[in-house]
Amino acid sequence: MSLLASIVLAGLLNPETVECHLWKRIEINEVKHCIYRGPNRTVYTHFPTHRWSECPKQFQCPYSSMKDKQPTVHEMLRGLREGFGN
């Protein structure tokens, strides 16, 4: 296996993670959402199954580099609310 293939495969098997911090907890139509933010506008959503205590204050989340203009967290939340409101 070539070196390049090894590096690509390692990236797929072990995606880069960053430390994300709990930013907001919201409930939409009885579905709980824990929104996390990390460096370089990394955003991650966790869906707890029973209670808010299932959302840690911080953890290692998948890194998502947003080089192009991506929706803001507020735009994402508005989209979630509008999507569930139909």
PDB file of N, CA and C in Angstrom:
ATOM      1  N   MET A   1       0.862  -1.183   0.000  1.00  0.00           N
ATOM      2  CA  MET A   1       0.000   0.000   0.000  1.00  0.00           C
ATOM      3  C   MET A   1       0.896   1.230   0.000  1.00  0.00           C
ATOM      4  N   SER A   2       0.541   2.171  -0.815  1.00  0.00           N
ATOM      5  CA  SER A   2       1.362   3.373  -0.909  1.00  0.00           C
ATOM      6  C   SER A   2       1.186   4.246   0.333  1.00  0.00           C
ATOM      7  N   LEU A   3       2.114   5.126   0.517  1.00  0.00           N
ATOM      8  CA  LEU A   3       2.066   6.036   1.662  1.00  0.00           C
ATOM      9  C   LEU A   3       0.838   6.929   1.600  1.00  0.00           C
ATOM     10  N   LEU A   4       0.513   7.451   0.420  1.00  0.00           N
ATOM     11  CA  LEU A   4      -0.647   8.313   0.265  1.00  0.00           C
ATOM     12  C   LEU A   4      -1.940   7.568   0.614  1.00  0.00           C
ATOM     13  N   ALA A   5      -2.075   6.344   0.144  1.00  0.00           N
ATOM     14  CA  ALA A   5      -3.273   5.554   0.447  1.00  0.00           C
ATOM     15  C   ALA A   5      -3.371   5.290   1.946  1.00  0.00           C
ATOM     16  N   SER A   6      -2.256   5.059   2.597  1.00  0.00           N
ATOM     17  CA  SER A   6      -2.248   4.828   4.050  1.00  0.00           C
ATOM     18  C   SER A   6      -2.728   6.057   4.805  1.00  0.00           C
ATOM     19  N   ILE A   7      -2.279   7.235   4.363  1.00  0.00           N
ATOM     20  CA  ILE A   7      -2.672   8.480   5.030  1.00  0.00           C
ATOM     21  C   ILE A   7      -4.155   8.733   4.845  1.00  0.00           C
ATOM     22  N   VAL A   8      -4.661   8.536   3.630  1.00  0.00           N
ATOM     23  CA  VAL A   8      -6.086   8.740   3.370  1.00  0.00           C
ATOM     24  C   VAL A   8      -6.915   7.766   4.180  1.00  0.00           C
ATOM     25  N   LEU A   9      -6.528   6.497   4.193  1.00  0.00           N
ATOM     26  CA  LEU A   9      -7.262   5.483   4.944  1.00  0.00           C
ATOM     27  C   LEU A   9      -7.245   5.790   6.438  1.00  0.00           C
ATOM     28  N   ALA A  10      -6.123   6.237   6.962  1.00  0.00           N
ATOM     29  CA  ALA A  10      -6.038   6.586   8.385  1.00  0.00           C
ATOM     30  C   ALA A  10      -6.965   7.749   8.705  1.00  0.00           C
ATOM     31  N   GLY A  11      -7.085   8.716   7.801  1.00  0.00           N
ATOM     32  CA  GLY A  11      -7.981   9.849   8.011  1.00  0.00           C
ATOM     33  C   GLY A  11      -9.433   9.428   8.030  1.00  0.00           C
ATOM     34  N   LEU A  12      -9.797   8.437   7.240  1.00  0.00           N
ATOM     35  CA  LEU A  12     -11.172   7.957   7.213  1.00  0.00           C
ATOM     36  C   LEU A  12     -11.498   7.117   8.440  1.00  0.00           C
ATOM     37  N   LEU A  13     -10.539   6.323   8.883  1.00  0.00           N
ATOM     38  CA  LEU A  13     -10.779   5.468  10.041  1.00  0.00           C
ATOM     39  C   LEU A  13     -10.718   6.239  11.352  1.00  0.00           C
ATOM     40  N   ASN A  14      -9.870   7.239  11.422  1.00  0.00           N
ATOM     41  CA  ASN A  14      -9.705   8.053  12.631  1.00  0.00           C
ATOM     42  C   ASN A  14      -9.882   9.515  12.259  1.00  0.00           C
ATOM     43  N   PRO A  15     -11.130   9.975  12.105  1.00  0.00           N
ATOM     44  CA  PRO A  15     -11.315  11.370  11.703  1.00  0.00           C
ATOM     45  C   PRO A  15     -10.762  12.312  12.762  1.00  0.00           C
ATOM     46  N   GLU A  16     -10.253  13.438  12.306  1.00  0.00           N
ATOM     47  CA  GLU A  16      -9.691  14.433  13.212  1.00  0.00           C
ATOM     48  C   GLU A  16     -10.797  14.966  14.121  1.00  0.00           C
ATOM     49  N   THR A  17     -10.488  15.069  15.386  1.00  0.00           N
ATOM     50  CA  THR A  17     -11.461  15.594  16.339  1.00  0.00           C
ATOM     51  C   THR A  17     -10.888  16.829  17.017  1.00  0.00           C
ATOM     52  N   VAL A  18     -11.782  17.661  17.515  1.00  0.00           N
ATOM     53  CA  VAL A  18     -11.408  18.862  18.251  1.00  0.00           C
ATOM     54  C   VAL A  18     -12.273  18.940  19.499  1.00  0.00           C
ATOM     55  N   GLU A  19     -11.842  19.746  20.439  1.00  0.00           N
ATOM     56  CA  GLU A  19     -12.629  19.907  21.658  1.00  0.00           C
ATOM     57  C   GLU A  19     -13.780  20.872  21.404  1.00  0.00           C
ATOM     58  N   CYS A  20     -14.990  20.383  21.590  1.00  0.00           N
ATOM     59  CA  CYS A  20     -16.191  21.200  21.408  1.00  0.00           C
ATOM     60  C   CYS A  20     -16.834  21.448  22.767  1.00  0.00           C
ATOM     61  N   HIS A  21     -17.440  22.619  22.897  1.00  0.00           N
ATOM     62  CA  HIS A  21     -18.085  23.011  24.154  1.00  0.00           C
ATOM     63  C   HIS A  21     -19.572  23.185  23.927  1.00  0.00           C
ATOM     64  N   LEU A  22     -20.347  22.782  24.922  1.00  0.00           N
ATOM     65  CA  LEU A  22     -21.798  22.922  24.858  1.00  0.00           C
ATOM     66  C   LEU A  22     -22.150  24.385  24.695  1.00  0.00           C
ATOM     67  N   TRP A  23     -22.903  24.705  23.663  1.00  0.00           N
ATOM     68  CA  TRP A  23     -23.290  26.079  23.394  1.00  0.00           C
ATOM     69  C   TRP A  23     -24.747  26.314  23.751  1.00  0.00           C
ATOM     70  N   LYS A  24     -25.615  25.389  23.369  1.00  0.00           N
ATOM     71  CA  LYS A  24     -27.033  25.614  23.583  1.00  0.00           C
ATOM     72  C   LYS A  24     -27.775  24.284  23.660  1.00  0.00           C
ATOM     73  N   ARG A  25     -28.816  24.263  24.468  1.00  0.00           N
ATOM     74  CA  ARG A  25     -29.733  23.124  24.531  1.00  0.00           C
ATOM     75  C   ARG A  25     -31.105  23.623  24.116  1.00  0.00           C
ATOM     76  N   ILE A  26     -31.698  22.967  23.138  1.00  0.00           N
ATOM     77  CA  ILE A  26     -33.038  23.351  22.706  1.00  0.00           C
ATOM     78  C   ILE A  26     -33.892  22.101  22.551  1.00  0.00           C
ATOM     79  N   GLU A  27     -35.189  22.302  22.655  1.00  0.00           N
ATOM     80  CA  GLU A  27     -36.136  21.209  22.454  1.00  0.00           C
ATOM     81  C   GLU A  27     -37.143  21.660  21.404  1.00  0.00           C
ATOM     82  N   ILE A  28     -37.254  20.871  20.343  1.00  0.00           N
ATOM     83  CA  ILE A  28     -38.176  21.176  19.254  1.00  0.00           C
ATOM     84  C   ILE A  28     -39.081  19.966  19.065  1.00  0.00           C
ATOM     85  N   ASN A  29     -40.372  20.165  19.262  1.00  0.00           N
ATOM     86  CA  ASN A  29     -41.358  19.071  19.161  1.00  0.00           C
ATOM     87  C   ASN A  29     -40.943  17.855  19.981  1.00  0.00           C
ATOM     88  N   GLU A  30     -40.556  18.097  21.212  1.00  0.00           N
ATOM     89  CA  GLU A  30     -40.175  17.069  22.171  1.00  0.00           C
ATOM     90  C   GLU A  30     -38.905  16.315  21.802  1.00  0.00           C
ATOM     91  N   VAL A  31     -38.120  16.836  20.852  1.00  0.00           N
ATOM     92  CA  VAL A  31     -36.821  16.260  20.500  1.00  0.00           C
ATOM     93  C   VAL A  31     -35.751  17.188  21.055  1.00  0.00           C
ATOM     94  N   LYS A  32     -34.891  16.634  21.903  1.00  0.00           N
ATOM     95  CA  LYS A  32     -33.832  17.428  22.522  1.00  0.00           C
ATOM     96  C   LYS A  32     -32.628  17.526  21.574  1.00  0.00           C
ATOM     97  N   HIS A  33     -32.045  18.735  21.513  1.00  0.00           N
ATOM     98  CA  HIS A  33     -30.862  18.989  20.696  1.00  0.00           C
ATOM     99  C   HIS A  33     -29.824  19.666  21.581  1.00  0.00           C
ATOM    100  N   CYS A  34     -28.620  19.129  21.626  1.00  0.00           N
ATOM    101  CA  CYS A  34     -27.501  19.780  22.297  1.00  0.00           C
ATOM    102  C   CYS A  34     -26.557  20.248  21.206  1.00  0.00           C
ATOM    103  N   ILE A  35     -26.372  21.559  21.098  1.00  0.00           N
ATOM    104  CA  ILE A  35     -25.546  22.152  20.059  1.00  0.00           C
ATOM    105  C   ILE A  35     -24.181  22.469  20.648  1.00  0.00           C
ATOM    106  N   TYR A  36     -23.130  22.022  19.971  1.00  0.00           N
ATOM    107  CA  TYR A  36     -21.760  22.236  20.412  1.00  0.00           C
ATOM    108  C   TYR A  36     -21.017  23.076  19.381  1.00  0.00           C
ATOM    109  N   ARG A  37     -20.067  23.884  19.871  1.00  0.00           N
ATOM    110  CA  ARG A  37     -19.212  24.667  18.988  1.00  0.00           C
ATOM    111  C   ARG A  37     -17.759  24.370  19.304  1.00  0.00           C
ATOM    112  N   GLY A  38     -16.964  24.388  18.239  1.00  0.00           N
ATOM    113  CA  GLY A  38     -15.531  24.150  18.370  1.00  0.00           C
ATOM    114  C   GLY A  38     -14.761  25.138  17.521  1.00  0.00           C
ATOM    115  N   PRO A  39     -13.456  24.936  17.363  1.00  0.00           N
ATOM    116  CA  PRO A  39     -12.638  25.873  16.598  1.00  0.00           C
ATOM    117  C   PRO A  39     -13.014  25.906  15.116  1.00  0.00           C
ATOM    118  N   ASN A  40     -12.733  27.025  14.475  1.00  0.00           N
ATOM    119  CA  ASN A  40     -12.985  27.228  13.041  1.00  0.00           C
ATOM    120  C   ASN A  40     -14.425  26.937  12.659  1.00  0.00           C
ATOM    121  N   ARG A  41     -15.342  27.410  13.482  1.00  0.00           N
ATOM    122  CA  ARG A  41     -16.775  27.269  13.237  1.00  0.00           C
ATOM    123  C   ARG A  41     -17.247  25.812  13.139  1.00  0.00           C
ATOM    124  N   THR A  42     -16.559  24.926  13.816  1.00  0.00           N
ATOM    125  CA  THR A  42     -17.030  23.547  13.897  1.00  0.00           C
ATOM    126  C   THR A  42     -18.312  23.540  14.709  1.00  0.00           C
ATOM    127  N   VAL A  43     -19.342  22.918  14.181  1.00  0.00           N
ATOM    128  CA  VAL A  43     -20.632  22.806  14.874  1.00  0.00           C
ATOM    129  C   VAL A  43     -21.029  21.342  14.871  1.00  0.00           C
ATOM    130  N   TYR A  44     -21.527  20.871  16.000  1.00  0.00           N
ATOM    131  CA  TYR A  44     -21.936  19.476  16.122  1.00  0.00           C
ATOM    132  C   TYR A  44     -23.227  19.424  16.929  1.00  0.00           C
ATOM    133  N   THR A  45     -24.130  18.545  16.540  1.00  0.00           N
ATOM    134  CA  THR A  45     -25.397  18.381  17.260  1.00  0.00           C
ATOM    135  C   THR A  45     -25.479  16.975  17.833  1.00  0.00           C
ATOM    136  N   HIS A  46     -25.832  16.901  19.099  1.00  0.00           N
ATOM    137  CA  HIS A  46     -26.031  15.615  19.783  1.00  0.00           C
ATOM    138  C   HIS A  46     -27.505  15.540  20.180  1.00  0.00           C
ATOM    139  N   PHE A  47     -28.101  14.374  20.045  1.00  0.00           N
ATOM    140  CA  PHE A  47     -29.512  14.179  20.389  1.00  0.00           C
ATOM    141  C   PHE A  47     -29.610  13.238  21.592  1.00  0.00           C
ATOM    142  N   PRO A  48     -29.749  13.794  22.799  1.00  0.00           N
ATOM    143  CA  PRO A  48     -29.875  12.932  23.971  1.00  0.00           C
ATOM    144  C   PRO A  48     -31.182  12.145  23.913  1.00  0.00           C
ATOM    145  N   THR A  49     -31.175  10.947  24.444  1.00  0.00           N
ATOM    146  CA  THR A  49     -32.364  10.099  24.362  1.00  0.00           C
ATOM    147  C   THR A  49     -33.374  10.353  25.474  1.00  0.00           C
ATOM    148  N   HIS A  50     -32.915  10.701  26.681  1.00  0.00           N
ATOM    149  CA  HIS A  50     -33.851  10.843  27.800  1.00  0.00           C
ATOM    150  C   HIS A  50     -33.784  12.186  28.509  1.00  0.00           C
ATOM    151  N   ARG A  51     -32.582  12.606  28.905  1.00  0.00           N
ATOM    152  CA  ARG A  51     -32.482  13.813  29.722  1.00  0.00           C
ATOM    153  C   ARG A  51     -31.283  14.656  29.307  1.00  0.00           C
ATOM    154  N   TRP A  52     -31.343  15.919  29.727  1.00  0.00           N
ATOM    155  CA  TRP A  52     -30.288  16.869  29.365  1.00  0.00           C
ATOM    156  C   TRP A  52     -28.927  16.480  29.932  1.00  0.00           C
ATOM    157  N   SER A  53     -28.904  15.728  31.010  1.00  0.00           N
ATOM    158  CA  SER A  53     -27.617  15.345  31.615  1.00  0.00           C
ATOM    159  C   SER A  53     -26.790  14.463  30.680  1.00  0.00           C
ATOM    160  N   GLU A  54     -27.387  13.989  29.594  1.00  0.00           N
ATOM    161  CA  GLU A  54     -26.648  13.193  28.610  1.00  0.00           C
ATOM    162  C   GLU A  54     -25.788  14.066  27.699  1.00  0.00           C
ATOM    163  N   CYS A  55     -25.843  15.377  27.888  1.00  0.00           N
ATOM    164  CA  CYS A  55     -25.055  16.308  27.080  1.00  0.00           C
ATOM    165  C   CYS A  55     -23.885  16.814  27.918  1.00  0.00           C
ATOM    166  N   PRO A  56     -22.685  16.281  27.694  1.00  0.00           N
ATOM    167  CA  PRO A  56     -21.539  16.764  28.473  1.00  0.00           C
ATOM    168  C   PRO A  56     -21.215  18.204  28.124  1.00  0.00           C
ATOM    169  N   LYS A  57     -20.552  18.890  29.036  1.00  0.00           N
ATOM    170  CA  LYS A  57     -20.199  20.291  28.797  1.00  0.00           C
ATOM    171  C   LYS A  57     -19.165  20.426  27.689  1.00  0.00           C
ATOM    172  N   GLN A  58     -18.320  19.417  27.525  1.00  0.00           N
ATOM    173  CA  GLN A  58     -17.339  19.419  26.450  1.00  0.00           C
ATOM    174  C   GLN A  58     -16.970  17.985  26.111  1.00  0.00           C
ATOM    175  N   PHE A  59     -16.554  17.767  24.868  1.00  0.00           N
ATOM    176  CA  PHE A  59     -16.087  16.464  24.427  1.00  0.00           C
ATOM    177  C   PHE A  59     -15.380  16.615  23.090  1.00  0.00           C
ATOM    178  N   GLN A  60     -14.791  15.545  22.605  1.00  0.00           N
ATOM    179  CA  GLN A  60     -14.103  15.550  21.326  1.00  0.00           C
ATOM    180  C   GLN A  60     -15.118  15.274  20.221  1.00  0.00           C
ATOM    181  N   CYS A  61     -15.348  16.250  19.359  1.00  0.00           N
ATOM    182  CA  CYS A  61     -16.301  16.079  18.271  1.00  0.00           C
ATOM    183  C   CYS A  61     -15.558  16.085  16.939  1.00  0.00           C
ATOM    184  N   PRO A  62     -16.179  15.570  15.880  1.00  0.00           N
ATOM    185  CA  PRO A  62     -15.523  15.562  14.573  1.00  0.00           C
ATOM    186  C   PRO A  62     -15.271  16.985  14.084  1.00  0.00           C
ATOM    187  N   TYR A  63     -14.075  17.212  13.600  1.00  0.00           N
ATOM    188  CA  TYR A  63     -13.697  18.530  13.089  1.00  0.00           C
ATOM    189  C   TYR A  63     -14.304  18.733  11.712  1.00  0.00           C
ATOM    190  N   SER A  64     -14.908  19.877  11.503  1.00  0.00           N
ATOM    191  CA  SER A  64     -15.437  20.200  10.182  1.00  0.00           C
ATOM    192  C   SER A  64     -14.943  21.591   9.802  1.00  0.00           C
ATOM    193  N   SER A  65     -13.922  21.633   8.977  1.00  0.00           N
ATOM    194  CA  SER A  65     -13.361  22.896   8.529  1.00  0.00           C
ATOM    195  C   SER A  65     -14.337  23.545   7.570  1.00  0.00           C
ATOM    196  N   MET A  66     -14.723  24.756   7.852  1.00  0.00           N
ATOM    197  CA  MET A  66     -15.683  25.460   7.004  1.00  0.00           C
ATOM    198  C   MET A  66     -14.952  26.569   6.268  1.00  0.00           C
ATOM    199  N   LYS A  67     -14.319  26.208   5.165  1.00  0.00           N
ATOM    200  CA  LYS A  67     -13.565  27.186   4.383  1.00  0.00           C
ATOM    201  C   LYS A  67     -14.498  28.146   3.676  1.00  0.00           C
ATOM    202  N   ASP A  68     -15.579  27.633   3.102  1.00  0.00           N
ATOM    203  CA  ASP A  68     -16.549  28.485   2.425  1.00  0.00           C
ATOM    204  C   ASP A  68     -17.557  29.001   3.440  1.00  0.00           C
ATOM    205  N   LYS A  69     -18.336  29.985   3.042  1.00  0.00           N
ATOM    206  CA  LYS A  69     -19.368  30.512   3.949  1.00  0.00           C
ATOM    207  C   LYS A  69     -20.407  29.436   4.193  1.00  0.00           C
ATOM    208  N   GLN A  70     -20.570  29.082   5.414  1.00  0.00           N
ATOM    209  CA  GLN A  70     -21.537  28.083   5.834  1.00  0.00           C
ATOM    210  C   GLN A  70     -22.607  28.773   6.666  1.00  0.00           C
ATOM    211  N   PRO A  71     -23.750  28.129   6.843  1.00  0.00           N
ATOM    212  CA  PRO A  71     -24.774  28.741   7.680  1.00  0.00           C
ATOM    213  C   PRO A  71     -24.279  28.930   9.116  1.00  0.00           C
ATOM    214  N   THR A  72     -24.724  30.005   9.729  1.00  0.00           N
ATOM    215  CA  THR A  72     -24.369  30.246  11.124  1.00  0.00           C
ATOM    216  C   THR A  72     -25.194  29.325  12.008  1.00  0.00           C
ATOM    217  N   VAL A  73     -24.833  29.243  13.260  1.00  0.00           N
ATOM    218  CA  VAL A  73     -25.582  28.426  14.213  1.00  0.00           C
ATOM    219  C   VAL A  73     -27.018  28.935  14.306  1.00  0.00           C
ATOM    220  N   HIS A  74     -27.200  30.245  14.280  1.00  0.00           N
ATOM    221  CA  HIS A  74     -28.548  30.821  14.345  1.00  0.00           C
ATOM    222  C   HIS A  74     -29.370  30.414  13.127  1.00  0.00           C
ATOM    223  N   GLU A  75     -28.738  30.406  11.951  1.00  0.00           N
ATOM    224  CA  GLU A  75     -29.449  29.973  10.746  1.00  0.00           C
ATOM    225  C   GLU A  75     -29.820  28.500  10.815  1.00  0.00           C
ATOM    226  N   MET A  76     -28.920  27.689  11.383  1.00  0.00           N
ATOM    227  CA  MET A  76     -29.217  26.259  11.538  1.00  0.00           C
ATOM    228  C   MET A  76     -30.385  26.049  12.497  1.00  0.00           C
ATOM    229  N   LEU A  77     -30.385  26.771  13.610  1.00  0.00           N
ATOM    230  CA  LEU A  77     -31.467  26.633  14.586  1.00  0.00           C
ATOM    231  C   LEU A  77     -32.801  27.071  13.986  1.00  0.00           C
ATOM    232  N   ARG A  78     -32.775  28.175  13.226  1.00  0.00           N
ATOM    233  CA  ARG A  78     -33.989  28.637  12.576  1.00  0.00           C
ATOM    234  C   ARG A  78     -34.493  27.591  11.579  1.00  0.00           C
ATOM    235  N   GLY A  79     -33.591  26.984  10.824  1.00  0.00           N
ATOM    236  CA  GLY A  79     -33.962  25.934   9.883  1.00  0.00           C
ATOM    237  C   GLY A  79     -34.566  24.726  10.587  1.00  0.00           C
ATOM    238  N   LEU A  80     -33.988  24.353  11.731  1.00  0.00           N
ATOM    239  CA  LEU A  80     -34.541  23.235  12.501  1.00  0.00           C
ATOM    240  C   LEU A  80     -35.958  23.546  12.972  1.00  0.00           C
ATOM    241  N   ARG A  81     -36.149  24.759  13.503  1.00  0.00           N
ATOM    242  CA  ARG A  81     -37.463  25.131  13.982  1.00  0.00           C
ATOM    243  C   ARG A  81     -38.499  25.150  12.847  1.00  0.00           C
ATOM    244  N   GLU A  82     -38.098  25.713  11.707  1.00  0.00           N
ATOM    245  CA  GLU A  82     -39.011  25.782  10.571  1.00  0.00           C
ATOM    246  C   GLU A  82     -39.289  24.405   9.995  1.00  0.00           C
ATOM    247  N   GLY A  83     -38.292  23.549   9.986  1.00  0.00           N
ATOM    248  CA  GLY A  83     -38.469  22.201   9.452  1.00  0.00           C
ATOM    249  C   GLY A  83     -39.411  21.358  10.284  1.00  0.00           C
ATOM    250  N   PHE A  84     -39.325  21.501  11.602  1.00  0.00           N
ATOM    251  CA  PHE A  84     -40.210  20.735  12.482  1.00  0.00           C
ATOM    252  C   PHE A  84     -41.590  21.378  12.614  1.00  0.00           C
ATOM    253  N   GLY A  85     -41.688  22.626  12.244  1.00  0.00           N
ATOM    254  CA  GLY A  85     -42.952  23.346  12.391  1.00  0.00           C
ATOM    255  C   GLY A  85     -43.978  22.982  11.322  1.00  0.00           C
ATOM    256  N   ASN A  86     -43.554  22.310  10.251  1.00  0.00           N
ATOM    257  CA  ASN A  86     -44.488  21.981   9.159  1.00  0.00           C
ATOM    258  C   ASN A  86     -45.405  20.848   9.519  1.00  0.00           C
TER     259      ASN A  86
END
